[in-house]
Amino acid sequence: MKKNKIALFGLAANPPTLGHRYVIESIINSKLVDEILIMPVYKHFHNKTMVPFENRFEMCNILFNDLKDKVKIVDFEKQIVENYEEYKGSTYELLNC
């Protein structure tokens, strides 16, 4: 059984831009991974004021909609923040939850 190679791409998405899309398309075209999970941050590490998470999440869905066979928008960080009060927003913490 083949194991899928999955990339996790975190971004503030405040807003998601064509630059983000270019990076994602480049990763897809590299064929280094089978799937990309795009994770808009829920809690900015430096407490930067951002557009509400739900809006940024939906903007990501719109921007990457035509790539959905290779790209999935995920709310991992939102789930973690809602379940772990001590979470501060670092990548290290996220990957260890």
Protein backbone atom coordinates (compact mmCIF):
# COMPACT_ATOMS: atom_id res chain seq x y z
CA MET A 1 0.00 0.00 0.00
CA LYS A 2 1.40 3.39 -1.06
CA LYS A 3 1.69 6.04 1.64
CA ASN A 4 0.52 9.49 0.61
CA LYS A 5 2.95 12.35 1.07
CA ILE A 6 1.10 15.27 2.62
CA ALA A 7 2.28 18.85 3.03
CA LEU A 8 0.87 21.18 5.70
CA PHE A 9 0.81 24.80 4.55
CA GLY A 10 0.01 27.26 7.33
CA LEU A 11 -0.80 30.87 6.56
CA ALA A 12 -2.51 33.83 8.17
CA ALA A 13 -4.68 34.21 5.05
CA ASN A 14 -5.38 37.80 5.98
CA PRO A 15 -6.24 37.72 3.09
CA PRO A 16 -5.05 34.73 1.08
CA THR A 17 -3.31 36.05 -2.04
CA LEU A 18 -2.30 35.03 -5.53
CA GLY A 19 1.19 34.65 -4.07
CA HIS A 20 -0.12 31.90 -1.77
CA ARG A 21 -1.80 30.28 -4.76
CA TYR A 22 1.44 30.43 -6.77
CA VAL A 23 3.32 28.64 -3.97
CA ILE A 24 0.62 25.94 -3.74
CA GLU A 25 0.60 25.43 -7.52
CA SER A 26 4.40 25.17 -7.48
CA ILE A 27 4.24 22.50 -4.78
CA ILE A 28 1.61 20.57 -6.74
CA ASN A 29 3.65 20.83 -9.97
CA SER A 30 6.78 19.60 -8.18
CA LYS A 31 5.03 16.27 -7.56
CA LEU A 32 6.88 16.02 -4.23
CA VAL A 33 3.60 15.57 -2.35
CA ASP A 34 0.26 13.93 -3.11
CA GLU A 35 -1.89 16.32 -1.13
CA ILE A 36 -1.60 19.75 0.49
CA LEU A 37 -3.47 20.68 3.64
CA ILE A 38 -3.92 24.43 3.83
CA MET A 39 -4.34 25.63 7.39
CA PRO A 40 -5.36 29.24 8.00
CA VAL A 41 -4.19 30.26 11.47
CA TYR A 42 -6.84 30.67 14.11
CA LYS A 43 -4.71 32.48 16.66
CA HIS A 44 -1.86 34.63 15.36
CA PHE A 45 1.39 33.93 17.21
CA HIS A 46 2.02 37.66 17.74
CA ASN A 47 -1.67 38.46 18.47
CA LYS A 48 -2.00 40.40 15.20
CA THR A 49 -5.54 41.63 14.54
CA MET A 50 -7.06 39.69 11.65
CA VAL A 51 -10.30 39.27 9.76
CA PRO A 52 -12.52 36.67 11.53
CA PHE A 53 -11.35 33.09 11.03
CA GLU A 54 -14.54 31.98 9.27
CA ASN A 55 -14.07 34.66 6.60
CA ARG A 56 -10.41 33.77 6.03
CA PHE A 57 -11.28 30.06 5.90
CA GLU A 58 -13.94 30.72 3.26
CA MET A 59 -11.58 32.95 1.24
CA CYS A 60 -9.13 30.02 1.14
CA ASN A 61 -11.90 27.72 -0.06
CA ILE A 62 -12.70 30.17 -2.87
CA LEU A 63 -9.06 30.75 -3.88
CA PHE A 64 -8.18 27.05 -4.04
CA ASN A 65 -11.55 25.61 -5.09
CA ASP A 66 -10.40 24.42 -8.52
CA LEU A 67 -7.45 22.54 -6.94
CA LYS A 68 -9.60 20.51 -4.53
CA ASP A 69 -8.39 17.18 -5.94
CA LYS A 70 -4.95 17.99 -4.44
CA VAL A 71 -5.76 20.65 -1.84
CA LYS A 72 -7.87 20.56 1.31
CA ILE A 73 -8.57 23.53 3.58
CA VAL A 74 -8.40 22.43 7.23
CA ASP A 75 -9.28 24.04 10.55
CA PHE A 76 -6.77 22.11 12.70
CA GLU A 77 -5.61 25.14 14.63
CA LYS A 78 -9.17 26.24 15.43
CA GLN A 79 -9.86 22.78 16.85
CA ILE A 80 -6.71 22.91 18.96
CA VAL A 81 -7.40 26.40 20.31
CA GLU A 82 -10.91 25.35 21.30
CA ASN A 83 -9.57 22.33 23.19
CA TYR A 84 -6.27 23.48 24.71
CA GLU A 85 -6.37 26.72 26.68
CA GLU A 86 -2.57 26.80 27.06
CA TYR A 87 -1.97 26.85 23.26
CA LYS A 88 -0.07 30.03 22.32
CA GLY A 89 -0.02 29.65 18.53
CA SER A 90 3.46 28.39 17.67
CA THR A 91 4.09 25.81 14.94
CA TYR A 92 6.04 23.70 17.42
CA GLU A 93 3.03 23.56 19.78
CA LEU A 94 0.65 22.80 16.92
CA LEU A 95 2.67 19.84 15.71
CA ASN A 96 2.94 18.46 19.23
CA CYS A 97 -0.80 18.60 20.04
